[in-house]
Amino acid sequence: MNTQVKGFKNSFRHNLLVIIALCIALYFIFFAMLGQITQHGDELKVPNVIGKTLKTGESQLSKIGFDIQIDSAYDPSKKALAILGQQPEFGEVVKPGRTIFITVNKKEPPKTPMPNLTGLSIRSAIMILNSSKLHLGDTTYRPDIAQGAVLEQLYNGSPIRPGQMIPQGSTISLVIGDGLGNTIFDVPDIVGLTYAEAVAMLSANNLHFTAVASGEISDTASAFVYMQMPSALNELGSANKLREGDELGFYFKQNPDPSEYDHGGKAGGITDSAATPDALPK
């Protein structure tokens, strides 16, 4: 009986020593391999791929051993598919196999609603264009009482209404009020001129105009002006005066009767008040 007990104790002690030895061995093996498991000492610097094309940036990162995840944004000042940003940033030290997040410029620009710039100062208009990712194009000036204010907004040479959807990065041209001119001059006499000739003369004098068609018009450009307000001469026969930026209204017909031509402003029963710019529809 004592021999059996003694043998059991020896067997238990032996097994315990074996287990302890195995634990110690596993402990040292684990920590010996920990460096390889965690790639301790294997570190890479993140290269700078900002500004490069997506194809070039992907190739560079993949060769080093990085995984890549792509997002997109839009910057109208950058080329399509150019890399706009990266995370982690250039120069950071990371483990091989780390995922690098890159932001790529969209190939097709998203659309944005055209803001309403009319009546704003040029400075405010530029700020709003920038926030909408739109470019400022040409700025032209026109005599107007609203000096320094935006009078018109143009896209591809034509007026554009607020809210119309256009691509980000589009160029918007502005017409700015330049104040009323100080030069006073005689009212040009456009009665008897064709519509095209009258418009050219008024534009050359920096005058706004409102035109009203009378009767059936087959060709606007060749129709004739038969009355204007203000007229070239007043009731005393002296020349009426205007400033740059003032407005002149006129009536035109395709083929007016010679008796309808009026250089005095009150023919055909139409009074001065009836032909003021407010009364003449645009």
Protein backbone atom coordinates (compact mmCIF):
# COMPACT_ATOMS: atom_id res chain seq x y z
CA MET A 1 0.00 0.00 0.00
CA ASN A 2 2.79 2.35 0.89
CA THR A 3 4.55 1.43 -2.34
CA GLN A 4 1.45 2.33 -4.37
CA VAL A 5 1.07 5.69 -2.58
CA LYS A 6 4.71 6.42 -3.07
CA GLY A 7 4.45 5.60 -6.80
CA PHE A 8 1.43 7.80 -7.21
CA LYS A 9 3.19 10.73 -5.55
CA ASN A 10 6.21 10.26 -7.79
CA SER A 11 3.97 10.11 -10.89
CA PHE A 12 2.04 13.24 -9.84
CA ARG A 13 5.26 15.13 -9.13
CA HIS A 14 6.63 14.07 -12.50
CA ASN A 15 3.51 15.17 -14.37
CA LEU A 16 3.45 18.49 -12.51
CA LEU A 17 7.07 19.15 -13.41
CA VAL A 18 6.32 18.31 -17.04
CA ILE A 19 3.35 20.72 -17.08
CA ILE A 20 5.43 23.50 -15.49
CA ALA A 21 8.21 22.89 -17.99
CA LEU A 22 5.76 23.03 -20.87
CA CYS A 23 4.25 26.30 -19.56
CA ILE A 24 7.71 27.85 -19.27
CA ALA A 25 8.61 26.67 -22.76
CA LEU A 26 5.37 28.03 -24.23
CA TYR A 27 5.93 31.32 -22.42
CA PHE A 28 9.37 31.79 -23.96
CA ILE A 29 8.20 30.59 -27.38
CA PHE A 30 5.25 33.05 -27.31
CA PHE A 31 7.38 36.04 -26.46
CA ALA A 32 10.04 34.92 -28.91
CA MET A 33 7.44 34.90 -31.69
CA LEU A 34 5.62 38.04 -30.52
CA GLY A 35 7.88 40.25 -32.56
CA GLN A 36 7.04 38.34 -35.72
CA ILE A 37 3.32 38.20 -34.90
CA THR A 38 3.11 41.97 -34.37
CA GLN A 39 5.77 42.74 -36.98
CA HIS A 40 7.67 44.58 -34.30
CA GLY A 41 10.42 46.59 -35.90
CA ASP A 42 8.74 46.41 -39.33
CA GLU A 43 7.56 49.96 -39.88
CA LEU A 44 7.01 51.99 -43.01
CA LYS A 45 6.71 55.70 -43.71
CA VAL A 46 3.55 56.70 -45.54
CA PRO A 47 4.48 58.24 -48.92
CA ASN A 48 2.93 61.44 -50.24
CA VAL A 49 0.42 60.66 -52.99
CA ILE A 50 -1.57 63.93 -52.85
CA GLY A 51 -1.75 65.53 -56.28
CA LYS A 52 -0.92 62.32 -58.11
CA THR A 53 -3.36 60.49 -60.33
CA LEU A 54 -5.40 57.67 -58.82
CA LYS A 55 -3.56 55.09 -60.95
CA THR A 56 -0.12 56.33 -59.89
CA GLY A 57 -1.06 56.62 -56.21
CA GLU A 58 -2.61 53.15 -56.10
CA SER A 59 0.45 51.61 -57.76
CA GLN A 60 2.86 53.31 -55.34
CA LEU A 61 0.93 52.31 -52.22
CA SER A 62 0.31 48.74 -53.37
CA LYS A 63 4.02 48.13 -54.12
CA ILE A 64 4.92 49.12 -50.57
CA GLY A 65 2.29 46.73 -49.19
CA PHE A 66 -0.52 49.04 -48.10
CA ASP A 67 -4.20 48.31 -48.51
CA ILE A 68 -6.18 51.14 -50.10
CA GLN A 69 -9.67 52.49 -49.51
CA ILE A 70 -11.00 55.17 -51.86
CA ASP A 71 -13.49 57.99 -51.25
CA SER A 72 -14.37 60.89 -53.56
CA ALA A 73 -14.93 64.62 -53.38
CA TYR A 74 -14.83 67.49 -55.87
CA ASP A 75 -12.42 70.39 -56.21
CA PRO A 76 -12.93 72.43 -59.41
CA SER A 77 -9.34 73.67 -59.28
CA LYS A 78 -7.91 70.12 -59.50
CA LYS A 79 -7.78 67.62 -62.35
CA ALA A 80 -10.24 64.74 -62.56
CA LEU A 81 -9.12 61.63 -60.60
CA ALA A 82 -6.35 63.55 -58.84
CA ILE A 83 -5.77 62.52 -55.22
CA LEU A 84 -7.00 65.33 -52.94
CA GLY A 85 -6.16 63.86 -49.53
CA GLN A 86 -4.79 60.86 -47.67
CA GLN A 87 -5.03 59.37 -44.19
CA PRO A 88 -2.64 58.62 -42.48
CA GLU A 89 -0.81 61.69 -43.63
CA PHE A 90 2.49 61.82 -45.46
CA GLY A 91 5.48 60.90 -43.27
CA GLU A 92 3.60 58.99 -40.57
CA VAL A 93 5.15 55.65 -39.51
CA VAL A 94 2.77 52.67 -39.71
CA LYS A 95 2.82 48.87 -39.95
CA PRO A 96 2.94 47.10 -43.32
CA GLY A 97 -0.51 46.17 -44.55
CA ARG A 98 -2.09 49.25 -42.99
CA THR A 99 -5.10 50.64 -44.88
CA ILE A 100 -4.46 54.03 -46.46
CA PHE A 101 -7.60 56.10 -47.06
CA ILE A 102 -7.37 58.37 -50.11
CA THR A 103 -9.82 60.98 -51.42
CA VAL A 104 -10.01 61.30 -55.20
CA ASN A 105 -11.36 64.19 -57.27
CA LYS A 106 -14.56 63.21 -59.08
CA LYS A 107 -14.42 62.81 -62.84
CA GLU A 108 -17.81 64.45 -63.35
CA PRO A 109 -18.51 67.56 -61.26
CA PRO A 110 -21.67 67.48 -59.13
CA LYS A 111 -24.31 70.10 -59.83
CA THR A 112 -25.15 73.05 -57.63
CA PRO A 113 -28.03 75.57 -57.72
CA MET A 114 -27.13 78.97 -59.13
CA PRO A 115 -27.23 81.50 -56.27
CA ASN A 116 -29.04 84.81 -56.59
CA LEU A 117 -26.33 87.46 -56.82
CA THR A 118 -28.44 90.31 -58.21
CA GLY A 119 -28.29 93.36 -55.98
CA LEU A 120 -25.29 92.14 -53.99
CA SER A 121 -21.93 93.85 -53.87
CA ILE A 122 -19.19 92.37 -56.01
CA ARG A 123 -17.33 91.26 -52.87
CA SER A 124 -20.36 89.39 -51.50
CA ALA A 125 -21.04 87.87 -54.90
CA ILE A 126 -17.49 86.49 -55.11
CA MET A 127 -17.76 84.96 -51.64
CA ILE A 128 -21.02 83.22 -52.54
CA LEU A 129 -19.60 81.97 -55.84
CA ASN A 130 -16.61 80.50 -54.02
CA SER A 131 -18.81 78.78 -51.42
CA SER A 132 -20.88 77.29 -54.27
CA LYS A 133 -17.65 76.14 -56.00
CA LEU A 134 -18.28 78.40 -58.98
CA HIS A 135 -15.69 80.56 -60.74
CA LEU A 136 -15.95 84.30 -61.38
CA GLY A 137 -15.66 85.04 -65.09
CA ASP A 138 -15.66 88.42 -66.81
CA THR A 139 -16.95 91.46 -64.98
CA THR A 140 -18.36 94.22 -67.15
CA TYR A 141 -19.65 97.57 -65.98
CA ARG A 142 -22.78 99.40 -67.03
CA PRO A 143 -23.96 102.84 -66.01
CA ASP A 144 -26.59 102.38 -63.34
CA ILE A 145 -27.67 104.12 -60.16
CA ALA A 146 -26.83 100.93 -58.20
CA GLN A 147 -23.10 101.57 -58.24
CA GLY A 148 -21.00 98.51 -57.30
CA ALA A 149 -24.01 96.17 -57.25
CA VAL A 150 -24.54 93.11 -59.42
CA LEU A 151 -27.05 93.93 -62.17
CA GLU A 152 -26.95 90.64 -64.09
CA GLN A 153 -25.47 87.16 -63.74
CA LEU A 154 -24.50 85.32 -66.92
CA TYR A 155 -23.69 81.69 -67.70
CA ASN A 156 -22.21 80.93 -71.13
CA GLY A 157 -23.05 84.47 -72.16
CA SER A 158 -26.75 84.29 -71.27
CA PRO A 159 -28.66 85.35 -68.15
CA ILE A 160 -29.12 82.54 -65.65
CA ARG A 161 -31.94 82.42 -63.14
CA PRO A 162 -31.34 81.66 -59.44
CA GLY A 163 -31.86 78.01 -58.56
CA GLN A 164 -30.93 76.65 -61.98
CA MET A 165 -28.70 73.58 -61.59
CA ILE A 166 -25.24 73.92 -63.13
CA PRO A 167 -21.98 71.95 -62.72
CA GLN A 168 -19.65 72.99 -59.94
CA GLY A 169 -16.63 74.73 -61.41
CA SER A 170 -18.74 76.63 -63.95
CA THR A 171 -17.78 80.21 -64.80
CA ILE A 172 -20.26 82.99 -64.01
CA SER A 173 -19.84 86.45 -65.52
CA LEU A 174 -21.27 89.50 -63.81
CA VAL A 175 -22.56 92.87 -64.96
CA ILE A 176 -21.83 95.52 -62.32
CA GLY A 177 -23.41 98.93 -61.87
CA ASP A 178 -20.92 101.71 -62.51
CA GLY A 179 -23.02 104.60 -61.22
CA LEU A 180 -24.65 107.19 -63.40
CA GLY A 181 -22.27 109.07 -65.65
CA ASN A 182 -21.53 112.71 -65.01
CA THR A 183 -21.66 113.55 -68.70
CA ILE A 184 -24.89 115.26 -69.74
CA PHE A 185 -25.69 115.10 -73.45
CA ASP A 186 -28.52 115.76 -75.88
CA VAL A 187 -31.17 113.07 -76.19
CA PRO A 188 -30.41 111.19 -79.42
CA ASP A 189 -33.13 111.36 -82.05
CA ILE A 190 -33.96 107.75 -82.96
CA VAL A 191 -37.35 108.40 -84.60
CA GLY A 192 -37.19 107.12 -88.17
CA LEU A 193 -34.38 104.67 -87.42
CA THR A 194 -34.84 100.93 -87.60
CA TYR A 195 -35.02 99.02 -84.33
CA ALA A 196 -31.48 97.69 -84.85
CA GLU A 197 -30.09 101.16 -85.59
CA ALA A 198 -31.86 102.68 -82.58
CA VAL A 199 -30.56 100.02 -80.19
CA ALA A 200 -27.02 100.48 -81.50
CA MET A 201 -27.22 104.26 -80.99
CA LEU A 202 -28.63 103.96 -77.46
CA SER A 203 -26.02 101.39 -76.48
CA ALA A 204 -23.24 103.62 -77.83
CA ASN A 205 -24.51 106.37 -75.51
CA ASN A 206 -24.74 103.99 -72.49
CA LEU A 207 -28.49 104.43 -72.25
CA HIS A 208 -30.98 101.82 -71.10
CA PHE A 209 -34.10 101.43 -73.18
CA THR A 210 -37.58 99.97 -73.10
CA ALA A 211 -39.23 99.17 -76.42
CA VAL A 212 -42.91 98.58 -77.20
CA ALA A 213 -44.00 96.91 -80.44
CA SER A 214 -47.13 98.20 -82.15
CA GLY A 215 -49.08 96.11 -84.61
CA GLU A 216 -47.82 92.97 -86.30
CA ILE A 217 -44.04 92.72 -86.48
CA SER A 218 -42.55 90.41 -89.11
CA ASP A 219 -38.92 91.42 -88.57
CA THR A 220 -38.02 93.32 -85.41
CA ALA A 221 -34.59 94.47 -86.58
CA SER A 222 -36.01 96.20 -89.67
CA ALA A 223 -39.08 97.71 -87.95
CA PHE A 224 -39.07 101.52 -87.56
CA VAL A 225 -39.14 103.68 -84.44
CA TYR A 226 -41.98 106.20 -84.70
CA MET A 227 -42.00 107.69 -81.19
CA GLN A 228 -39.58 108.04 -78.29
CA MET A 229 -39.75 109.27 -74.70
CA PRO A 230 -38.13 111.61 -73.89
CA SER A 231 -38.15 113.13 -77.34
CA ALA A 232 -35.06 114.73 -78.83
CA LEU A 233 -36.61 118.22 -78.62
CA ASN A 234 -38.88 119.81 -76.04
CA GLU A 235 -41.92 121.98 -76.77
CA LEU A 236 -39.68 125.04 -77.12
CA GLY A 237 -37.56 123.33 -79.74
CA SER A 238 -34.57 122.97 -77.44
CA ALA A 239 -32.71 119.69 -76.99
CA ASN A 240 -33.71 117.52 -74.06
CA LYS A 241 -30.85 116.21 -71.90
CA LEU A 242 -29.88 112.81 -70.47
CA ARG A 243 -27.05 111.27 -68.46
CA GLU A 244 -25.27 107.98 -69.02
CA GLY A 245 -27.33 105.22 -67.46
CA ASP A 246 -30.66 106.99 -67.91
CA GLU A 247 -33.52 105.20 -69.64
CA LEU A 248 -35.31 106.02 -72.88
CA GLY A 249 -38.51 104.39 -74.11
CA PHE A 250 -39.64 104.04 -77.69
CA TYR A 251 -42.44 102.62 -79.86
CA PHE A 252 -41.80 100.80 -83.12
CA LYS A 253 -43.83 99.39 -86.04
CA GLN A 254 -43.02 97.31 -89.07
CA ASN A 255 -44.20 100.00 -91.50
CA PRO A 256 -45.52 103.10 -89.73
CA ASP A 257 -47.46 105.72 -91.67
CA PRO A 258 -45.42 108.90 -92.30
CA SER A 259 -47.95 110.84 -90.20
CA GLU A 260 -47.13 108.68 -87.17
CA TYR A 261 -43.52 109.75 -86.93
CA ASP A 262 -43.26 112.06 -83.94
CA HIS A 263 -40.21 114.08 -82.99
CA GLY A 264 -42.13 116.09 -80.41
CA GLY A 265 -43.31 113.32 -78.07
CA LYS A 266 -47.12 113.66 -78.23
CA ALA A 267 -48.33 112.29 -81.55
CA GLY A 268 -51.07 109.70 -81.84
CA GLY A 269 -52.60 110.69 -78.52
CA ILE A 270 -49.82 109.06 -76.47
CA THR A 271 -48.68 111.33 -73.68
CA ASP A 272 -45.29 111.56 -72.00
CA SER A 273 -46.60 109.81 -68.88
CA ALA A 274 -47.91 106.90 -70.96
CA ALA A 275 -44.49 106.28 -72.45
CA THR A 276 -42.32 106.57 -69.37
CA PRO A 277 -40.09 103.57 -68.64
CA ASP A 278 -42.47 102.39 -65.90
CA ALA A 279 -45.34 102.28 -68.38
CA LEU A 280 -43.35 100.59 -71.14
CA PRO A 281 -43.16 96.86 -70.61
CA LYS A 282 -39.81 95.17 -71.22
